[in-house]
PDB file of N, CA and C in Angstrom:
ATOM      1  N   MET A   1     -77.732-152.740  21.435  1.00  0.00           N
ATOM      2  CA  MET A   1     -78.676-151.844  22.077  1.00  0.00           C
ATOM      3  C   MET A   1     -79.092-150.801  21.045  1.00  0.00           C
ATOM      4  N   GLN A   2     -80.358-150.498  21.076  1.00  0.00           N
ATOM      5  CA  GLN A   2     -80.909-149.442  20.233  1.00  0.00           C
ATOM      6  C   GLN A   2     -81.656-148.475  21.128  1.00  0.00           C
ATOM      7  N   ALA A   3     -81.544-147.196  20.816  1.00  0.00           N
ATOM      8  CA  ALA A   3     -82.312-146.172  21.516  1.00  0.00           C
ATOM      9  C   ALA A   3     -83.215-145.500  20.483  1.00  0.00           C
ATOM     10  N   ALA A   4     -84.518-145.671  20.667  1.00  0.00           N
ATOM     11  CA  ALA A   4     -85.499-145.061  19.764  1.00  0.00           C
ATOM     12  C   ALA A   4     -85.951-143.756  20.386  1.00  0.00           C
ATOM     13  N   GLY A   5     -85.657-142.647  19.709  1.00  0.00           N
ATOM     14  CA  GLY A   5     -85.987-141.330  20.231  1.00  0.00           C
ATOM     15  C   GLY A   5     -87.347-140.845  19.773  1.00  0.00           C
ATOM     16  N   HIS A   6     -87.957-140.051  20.635  1.00  0.00           N
ATOM     17  CA  HIS A   6     -89.266-139.461  20.337  1.00  0.00           C
ATOM     18  C   HIS A   6     -89.171-137.965  20.644  1.00  0.00           C
ATOM     19  N   LEU A   7     -89.235-137.140  19.602  1.00  0.00           N
ATOM     20  CA  LEU A   7     -89.202-135.693  19.815  1.00  0.00           C
ATOM     21  C   LEU A   7     -90.471-135.251  20.535  1.00  0.00           C
ATOM     22  N   THR A   8     -90.328-134.307  21.437  1.00  0.00           N
ATOM     23  CA  THR A   8     -91.456-133.859  22.260  1.00  0.00           C
ATOM     24  C   THR A   8     -92.339-132.838  21.548  1.00  0.00           C
ATOM     25  N   GLY A   9     -91.899-132.336  20.416  1.00  0.00           N
ATOM     26  CA  GLY A   9     -92.691-131.353  19.683  1.00  0.00           C
ATOM     27  C   GLY A   9     -92.235-129.925  19.910  1.00  0.00           C
ATOM     28  N   ASN A  10     -91.317-129.720  20.836  1.00  0.00           N
ATOM     29  CA  ASN A  10     -90.767-128.377  21.052  1.00  0.00           C
ATOM     30  C   ASN A  10     -89.728-128.067  19.980  1.00  0.00           C
ATOM     31  N   ASP A  11     -89.406-126.811  19.814  1.00  0.00           N
ATOM     32  CA  ASP A  11     -88.494-126.356  18.771  1.00  0.00           C
ATOM     33  C   ASP A  11     -87.065-126.831  19.054  1.00  0.00           C
ATOM     34  N   ILE A  12     -86.534-127.692  18.173  1.00  0.00           N
ATOM     35  CA  ILE A  12     -85.179-128.215  18.341  1.00  0.00           C
ATOM     36  C   ILE A  12     -84.118-127.363  17.654  1.00  0.00           C
ATOM     37  N   ARG A  13     -84.534-126.446  16.795  1.00  0.00           N
ATOM     38  CA  ARG A  13     -83.579-125.694  15.974  1.00  0.00           C
ATOM     39  C   ARG A  13     -82.495-124.973  16.768  1.00  0.00           C
ATOM     40  N   PRO A  14     -82.807-124.334  17.911  1.00  0.00           N
ATOM     41  CA  PRO A  14     -81.741-123.628  18.628  1.00  0.00           C
ATOM     42  C   PRO A  14     -80.632-124.549  19.155  1.00  0.00           C
ATOM     43  N   ARG A  15     -80.914-125.837  19.271  1.00  0.00           N
ATOM     44  CA  ARG A  15     -79.926-126.751  19.844  1.00  0.00           C
ATOM     45  C   ARG A  15     -79.441-127.800  18.847  1.00  0.00           C
ATOM     46  N   LEU A  16     -79.813-127.651  17.593  1.00  0.00           N
ATOM     47  CA  LEU A  16     -79.494-128.640  16.570  1.00  0.00           C
ATOM     48  C   LEU A  16     -77.990-128.807  16.371  1.00  0.00           C
ATOM     49  N   GLN A  17     -77.249-127.717  16.264  1.00  0.00           N
ATOM     50  CA  GLN A  17     -75.800-127.824  16.057  1.00  0.00           C
ATOM     51  C   GLN A  17     -75.107-128.443  17.262  1.00  0.00           C
ATOM     52  N   ALA A  18     -75.501-128.043  18.466  1.00  0.00           N
ATOM     53  CA  ALA A  18     -74.908-128.611  19.683  1.00  0.00           C
ATOM     54  C   ALA A  18     -75.224-130.101  19.776  1.00  0.00           C
ATOM     55  N   GLU A  19     -76.416-130.493  19.382  1.00  0.00           N
ATOM     56  CA  GLU A  19     -76.806-131.906  19.393  1.00  0.00           C
ATOM     57  C   GLU A  19     -75.909-132.703  18.448  1.00  0.00           C
ATOM     58  N   GLY A  20     -75.690-132.173  17.254  1.00  0.00           N
ATOM     59  CA  GLY A  20     -74.825-132.846  16.287  1.00  0.00           C
ATOM     60  C   GLY A  20     -73.400-132.990  16.793  1.00  0.00           C
ATOM     61  N   ARG A  21     -72.890-131.949  17.423  1.00  0.00           N
ATOM     62  CA  ARG A  21     -71.525-132.014  17.975  1.00  0.00           C
ATOM     63  C   ARG A  21     -71.422-133.074  19.062  1.00  0.00           C
ATOM     64  N   ARG A  22     -72.392-133.093  19.991  1.00  0.00           N
ATOM     65  CA  ARG A  22     -72.334-134.053  21.093  1.00  0.00           C
ATOM     66  C   ARG A  22     -72.536-135.475  20.585  1.00  0.00           C
ATOM     67  N   ALA A  23     -73.411-135.666  19.615  1.00  0.00           N
ATOM     68  CA  ALA A  23     -73.603-136.995  19.038  1.00  0.00           C
ATOM     69  C   ALA A  23     -72.304-137.475  18.380  1.00  0.00           C
ATOM     70  N   ALA A  24     -71.595-136.578  17.698  1.00  0.00           N
ATOM     71  CA  ALA A  24     -70.312-136.929  17.092  1.00  0.00           C
ATOM     72  C   ALA A  24     -69.294-137.320  18.163  1.00  0.00           C
ATOM     73  N   GLU A  25     -69.299-136.618  19.289  1.00  0.00           N
ATOM     74  CA  GLU A  25     -68.400-136.968  20.391  1.00  0.00           C
ATOM     75  C   GLU A  25     -68.727-138.354  20.941  1.00  0.00           C
ATOM     76  N   LEU A  26     -70.018-138.645  21.104  1.00  0.00           N
ATOM     77  CA  LEU A  26     -70.410-139.960  21.609  1.00  0.00           C
ATOM     78  C   LEU A  26     -70.068-141.062  20.611  1.00  0.00           C
ATOM     79  N   ARG A  27     -70.070-140.737  19.333  1.00  0.00           N
ATOM     80  CA  ARG A  27     -69.637-141.706  18.313  1.00  0.00           C
ATOM     81  C   ARG A  27     -68.131-141.943  18.447  1.00  0.00           C
ATOM     82  N   THR A  28     -67.368-140.866  18.604  1.00  0.00           N
ATOM     83  CA  THR A  28     -65.920-140.983  18.773  1.00  0.00           C
ATOM     84  C   THR A  28     -65.570-141.769  20.043  1.00  0.00           C
ATOM     85  N   GLU A  29     -66.346-141.557  21.099  1.00  0.00           N
ATOM     86  CA  GLU A  29     -66.138-142.275  22.360  1.00  0.00           C
ATOM     87  C   GLU A  29     -66.532-143.751  22.261  1.00  0.00           C
ATOM     88  N   GLY A  30     -67.197-144.142  21.177  1.00  0.00           N
ATOM     89  CA  GLY A  30     -67.548-145.538  20.962  1.00  0.00           C
ATOM     90  C   GLY A  30     -68.945-145.930  21.411  1.00  0.00           C
ATOM     91  N   LEU A  31     -69.746-145.002  21.895  1.00  0.00           N
ATOM     92  CA  LEU A  31     -71.107-145.348  22.316  1.00  0.00           C
ATOM     93  C   LEU A  31     -72.032-145.519  21.116  1.00  0.00           C
ATOM     94  N   ILE A  32     -72.068-144.526  20.235  1.00  0.00           N
ATOM     95  CA  ILE A  32     -72.988-144.536  19.094  1.00  0.00           C
ATOM     96  C   ILE A  32     -72.302-145.171  17.887  1.00  0.00           C
ATOM     97  N   ARG A  33     -72.954-146.191  17.334  1.00  0.00           N
ATOM     98  CA  ARG A  33     -72.441-146.840  16.125  1.00  0.00           C
ATOM     99  C   ARG A  33     -73.068-146.211  14.875  1.00  0.00           C
ATOM    100  N   ASP A  34     -74.394-146.026  14.891  1.00  0.00           N
ATOM    101  CA  ASP A  34     -75.116-145.463  13.747  1.00  0.00           C
ATOM    102  C   ASP A  34     -76.237-144.572  14.242  1.00  0.00           C
ATOM    103  N   VAL A  35     -76.561-143.567  13.426  1.00  0.00           N
ATOM    104  CA  VAL A  35     -77.670-142.661  13.721  1.00  0.00           C
ATOM    105  C   VAL A  35     -78.574-142.636  12.492  1.00  0.00           C
ATOM    106  N   PHE A  36     -79.851-142.835  12.739  1.00  0.00           N
ATOM    107  CA  PHE A  36     -80.865-142.745  11.693  1.00  0.00           C
ATOM    108  C   PHE A  36     -81.947-141.789  12.164  1.00  0.00           C
ATOM    109  N   VAL A  37     -82.672-141.210  11.225  1.00  0.00           N
ATOM    110  CA  VAL A  37     -83.841-140.390  11.551  1.00  0.00           C
ATOM    111  C   VAL A  37     -85.053-141.140  11.022  1.00  0.00           C
ATOM    112  N   LYS A  38     -86.077-141.272  11.864  1.00  0.00           N
ATOM    113  CA  LYS A  38     -87.298-141.946  11.430  1.00  0.00           C
ATOM    114  C   LYS A  38     -87.850-141.239  10.191  1.00  0.00           C
ATOM    115  N   ALA A  39     -88.439-142.018   9.296  1.00  0.00           N
ATOM    116  CA  ALA A  39     -88.978-141.465   8.051  1.00  0.00           C
ATOM    117  C   ALA A  39     -90.008-140.377   8.307  1.00  0.00           C
ATOM    118  N   ASP A  40     -90.746-140.479   9.421  1.00  0.00           N
ATOM    119  CA  ASP A  40     -91.760-139.461   9.711  1.00  0.00           C
ATOM    120  C   ASP A  40     -91.174-138.263  10.477  1.00  0.00           C
ATOM    121  N   ARG A  41     -89.848-138.258  10.660  1.00  0.00           N
ATOM    122  CA  ARG A  41     -89.100-137.150  11.293  1.00  0.00           C
ATOM    123  C   ARG A  41     -89.499-136.910  12.755  1.00  0.00           C
ATOM    124  N   THR A  42     -89.990-137.941  13.451  1.00  0.00           N
ATOM    125  CA  THR A  42     -90.413-137.767  14.840  1.00  0.00           C
ATOM    126  C   THR A  42     -89.329-138.095  15.853  1.00  0.00           C
ATOM    127  N   GLY A  43     -88.136-138.423  15.355  1.00  0.00           N
ATOM    128  CA  GLY A  43     -87.046-138.690  16.277  1.00  0.00           C
ATOM    129  C   GLY A  43     -85.958-139.554  15.669  1.00  0.00           C
ATOM    130  N   PRO A  44     -84.857-139.695  16.404  1.00  0.00           N
ATOM    131  CA  PRO A  44     -83.735-140.491  15.918  1.00  0.00           C
ATOM    132  C   PRO A  44     -83.847-141.947  16.366  1.00  0.00           C
ATOM    133  N   ILE A  45     -83.149-142.793  15.653  1.00  0.00           N
ATOM    134  CA  ILE A  45     -82.883-144.162  16.081  1.00  0.00           C
ATOM    135  C   ILE A  45     -81.370-144.255  16.197  1.00  0.00           C
ATOM    136  N   LEU A  46     -80.893-144.571  17.382  1.00  0.00           N
ATOM    137  CA  LEU A  46     -79.460-144.696  17.619  1.00  0.00           C
ATOM    138  C   LEU A  46     -79.133-146.167  17.818  1.00  0.00           C
ATOM    139  N   VAL A  47     -78.194-146.673  17.047  1.00  0.00           N
ATOM    140  CA  VAL A  47     -77.674-148.011  17.267  1.00  0.00           C
ATOM    141  C   VAL A  47     -76.415-147.831  18.090  1.00  0.00           C
ATOM    142  N   LEU A  48     -76.404-148.474  19.256  1.00  0.00           N
ATOM    143  CA  LEU A  48     -75.317-148.272  20.204  1.00  0.00           C
ATOM    144  C   LEU A  48     -74.423-149.499  20.258  1.00  0.00           C
ATOM    145  N   ASN A  49     -73.149-149.256  20.536  1.00  0.00           N
ATOM    146  CA  ASN A  49     -72.205-150.345  20.735  1.00  0.00           C
ATOM    147  C   ASN A  49     -72.419-150.951  22.106  1.00  0.00           C
ATOM    148  N   ASP A  50     -71.658-151.949  22.435  1.00  0.00           N
ATOM    149  CA  ASP A  50     -71.793-152.723  23.682  1.00  0.00           C
ATOM    150  C   ASP A  50     -72.066-151.839  24.884  1.00  0.00           C
ATOM    151  N   THR A  51     -73.307-151.863  25.341  1.00  0.00           N
ATOM    152  CA  THR A  51     -73.736-151.106  26.511  1.00  0.00           C
ATOM    153  C   THR A  51     -75.035-151.702  27.011  1.00  0.00           C
ATOM    154  N   ASP A  52     -75.443-151.305  28.187  1.00  0.00           N
ATOM    155  CA  ASP A  52     -76.759-151.711  28.677  1.00  0.00           C
ATOM    156  C   ASP A  52     -77.631-150.462  28.779  1.00  0.00           C
ATOM    157  N   ALA A  53     -78.910-150.668  29.101  1.00  0.00           N
ATOM    158  CA  ALA A  53     -79.863-149.552  29.111  1.00  0.00           C
ATOM    159  C   ALA A  53     -79.474-148.482  30.128  1.00  0.00           C
ATOM    160  N   ASN A  54     -78.990-148.875  31.301  1.00  0.00           N
ATOM    161  CA  ASN A  54     -78.624-147.879  32.315  1.00  0.00           C
ATOM    162  C   ASN A  54     -77.458-147.016  31.869  1.00  0.00           C
ATOM    163  N   ASP A  55     -76.414-147.638  31.299  1.00  0.00           N
ATOM    164  CA  ASP A  55     -75.264-146.879  30.810  1.00  0.00           C
ATOM    165  C   ASP A  55     -75.686-145.973  29.652  1.00  0.00           C
ATOM    166  N   ALA A  56     -76.478-146.519  28.731  1.00  0.00           N
ATOM    167  CA  ALA A  56     -76.942-145.725  27.592  1.00  0.00           C
ATOM    168  C   ALA A  56     -77.750-144.528  28.076  1.00  0.00           C
ATOM    169  N   ARG A  57     -78.647-144.745  29.020  1.00  0.00           N
ATOM    170  CA  ARG A  57     -79.490-143.666  29.562  1.00  0.00           C
ATOM    171  C   ARG A  57     -78.620-142.571  30.176  1.00  0.00           C
ATOM    172  N   ASP A  58     -77.626-142.967  30.968  1.00  0.00           N
ATOM    173  CA  ASP A  58     -76.735-141.996  31.603  1.00  0.00           C
ATOM    174  C   ASP A  58     -75.944-141.198  30.582  1.00  0.00           C
ATOM    175  N   ARG A  59     -75.412-141.879  29.587  1.00  0.00           N
ATOM    176  CA  ARG A  59     -74.555-141.199  28.609  1.00  0.00           C
ATOM    177  C   ARG A  59     -75.349-140.364  27.609  1.00  0.00           C
ATOM    178  N   LEU A  60     -76.519-140.844  27.201  1.00  0.00           N
ATOM    179  CA  LEU A  60     -77.345-140.071  26.265  1.00  0.00           C
ATOM    180  C   LEU A  60     -77.973-138.857  26.935  1.00  0.00           C
ATOM    181  N   ALA A  61     -78.016-138.840  28.249  1.00  0.00           N
ATOM    182  CA  ALA A  61     -78.519-137.661  28.968  1.00  0.00           C
ATOM    183  C   ALA A  61     -77.658-136.441  28.715  1.00  0.00           C
ATOM    184  N   SER A  62     -76.432-136.652  28.226  1.00  0.00           N
ATOM    185  CA  SER A  62     -75.544-135.524  27.922  1.00  0.00           C
ATOM    186  C   SER A  62     -75.882-134.847  26.592  1.00  0.00           C
ATOM    187  N   LEU A  63     -76.784-135.429  25.822  1.00  0.00           N
ATOM    188  CA  LEU A  63     -77.209-134.795  24.571  1.00  0.00           C
ATOM    189  C   LEU A  63     -78.053-133.560  24.890  1.00  0.00           C
ATOM    190  N   PRO A  64     -77.827-132.458  24.197  1.00  0.00           N
ATOM    191  CA  PRO A  64     -78.610-131.248  24.461  1.00  0.00           C
ATOM    192  C   PRO A  64     -80.118-131.453  24.336  1.00  0.00           C
ATOM    193  N   PHE A  65     -80.565-132.250  23.370  1.00  0.00           N
ATOM    194  CA  PHE A  65     -82.007-132.486  23.239  1.00  0.00           C
ATOM    195  C   PHE A  65     -82.553-133.158  24.498  1.00  0.00           C
ATOM    196  N   ALA A  66     -81.818-134.128  25.027  1.00  0.00           N
ATOM    197  CA  ALA A  66     -82.266-134.826  26.237  1.00  0.00           C
ATOM    198  C   ALA A  66     -82.231-133.881  27.431  1.00  0.00           C
ATOM    199  N   GLY A  67     -81.166-133.117  27.561  1.00  0.00           N
ATOM    200  CA  GLY A  67     -81.024-132.208  28.692  1.00  0.00           C
ATOM    201  C   GLY A  67     -82.069-131.115  28.730  1.00  0.00           C
ATOM    202  N   HIS A  68     -82.602-130.762  27.574  1.00  0.00           N
ATOM    203  CA  HIS A  68     -83.628-129.713  27.492  1.00  0.00           C
ATOM    204  C   HIS A  68     -85.018-130.295  27.233  1.00  0.00           C
ATOM    205  N   GLU A  69     -85.159-131.600  27.485  1.00  0.00           N
ATOM    206  CA  GLU A  69     -86.435-132.300  27.351  1.00  0.00           C
ATOM    207  C   GLU A  69     -87.075-132.125  25.974  1.00  0.00           C
ATOM    208  N   LEU A  70     -86.229-132.226  24.951  1.00  0.00           N
ATOM    209  CA  LEU A  70     -86.704-132.152  23.578  1.00  0.00           C
ATOM    210  C   LEU A  70     -86.881-133.539  22.970  1.00  0.00           C
ATOM    211  N   VAL A  71     -86.335-134.558  23.644  1.00  0.00           N
ATOM    212  CA  VAL A  71     -86.430-135.934  23.171  1.00  0.00           C
ATOM    213  C   VAL A  71     -86.477-136.871  24.378  1.00  0.00           C
ATOM    214  N   THR A  72     -87.197-137.965  24.189  1.00  0.00           N
ATOM    215  CA  THR A  72     -87.166-139.066  25.158  1.00  0.00           C
ATOM    216  C   THR A  72     -86.724-140.310  24.389  1.00  0.00           C
ATOM    217  N   PHE A  73     -86.216-141.293  25.093  1.00  0.00           N
ATOM    218  CA  PHE A  73     -85.730-142.509  24.440  1.00  0.00           C
ATOM    219  C   PHE A  73     -86.374-143.748  25.042  1.00  0.00           C
ATOM    220  N   ASP A  74     -86.633-144.726  24.173  1.00  0.00           N
ATOM    221  CA  ASP A  74     -86.948-146.091  24.577  1.00  0.00           C
ATOM    222  C   ASP A  74     -85.693-146.901  24.280  1.00  0.00           C
ATOM    223  N   TYR A  75     -85.297-147.727  25.222  1.00  0.00           N
ATOM    224  CA  TYR A  75     -84.078-148.523  25.076  1.00  0.00           C
ATOM    225  C   TYR A  75     -84.470-149.959  24.762  1.00  0.00           C
ATOM    226  N   ILE A  76     -83.906-150.478  23.679  1.00  0.00           N
ATOM    227  CA  ILE A  76     -84.288-151.777  23.171  1.00  0.00           C
ATOM    228  C   ILE A  76     -83.031-152.652  23.062  1.00  0.00           C
ATOM    229  N   GLU A  77     -83.039-153.766  23.791  1.00  0.00           N
ATOM    230  CA  GLU A  77     -81.936-154.725  23.696  1.00  0.00           C
ATOM    231  C   GLU A  77     -82.047-155.449  22.351  1.00  0.00           C
ATOM    232  N   LEU A  78     -80.934-155.637  21.688  1.00  0.00           N
ATOM    233  CA  LEU A  78     -80.904-156.353  20.419  1.00  0.00           C
ATOM    234  C   LEU A  78     -80.192-157.674  20.612  1.00  0.00           C
ATOM    235  N   ASP A  79     -80.640-158.700  19.891  1.00  0.00           N
ATOM    236  CA  ASP A  79     -80.013-160.004  19.930  1.00  0.00           C
ATOM    237  C   ASP A  79     -78.983-160.080  18.826  1.00  0.00           C
ATOM    238  N   ASP A  80     -77.777-160.452  19.184  1.00  0.00           N
ATOM    239  CA  ASP A  80     -76.701-160.593  18.197  1.00  0.00           C
ATOM    240  C   ASP A  80     -76.754-162.002  17.630  1.00  0.00           C
ATOM    241  N   ASN A  81     -77.352-162.129  16.464  1.00  0.00           N
ATOM    242  CA  ASN A  81     -77.492-163.448  15.834  1.00  0.00           C
ATOM    243  C   ASN A  81     -76.249-163.866  15.071  1.00  0.00           C
ATOM    244  N   SER A  82     -75.207-163.059  15.077  1.00  0.00           N
ATOM    245  CA  SER A  82     -74.015-163.391  14.300  1.00  0.00           C
ATOM    246  C   SER A  82     -73.320-164.634  14.831  1.00  0.00           C
ATOM    247  N   ALA A  83     -73.561-165.002  16.101  1.00  0.00           N
ATOM    248  CA  ALA A  83     -72.938-166.178  16.683  1.00  0.00           C
ATOM    249  C   ALA A  83     -73.726-167.452  16.364  1.00  0.00           C
ATOM    250  N   ALA A  84     -74.916-167.318  15.820  1.00  0.00           N
ATOM    251  CA  ALA A  84     -75.773-168.482  15.559  1.00  0.00           C
ATOM    252  C   ALA A  84     -75.376-169.214  14.309  1.00  0.00           C
TER     253      ALA A  84
END
């Protein structure tokens, strides 16, 4: 599962440290595998461990950016070709 984030254009600076802390917690909890920032700086790309879109949506809602409507996410199912 991948979550492609889109920043809303509002000022994220006041919540940047809290966002980093919560993202680290979600990584420790096993939800987030990798975090990337789009080259154009318009949002994050989160690679998530075994989850579905509903679980990801519920858990990512705990991020300060999401809770303060600073980011929205598109959830993209990925095909695991490693078994092929």
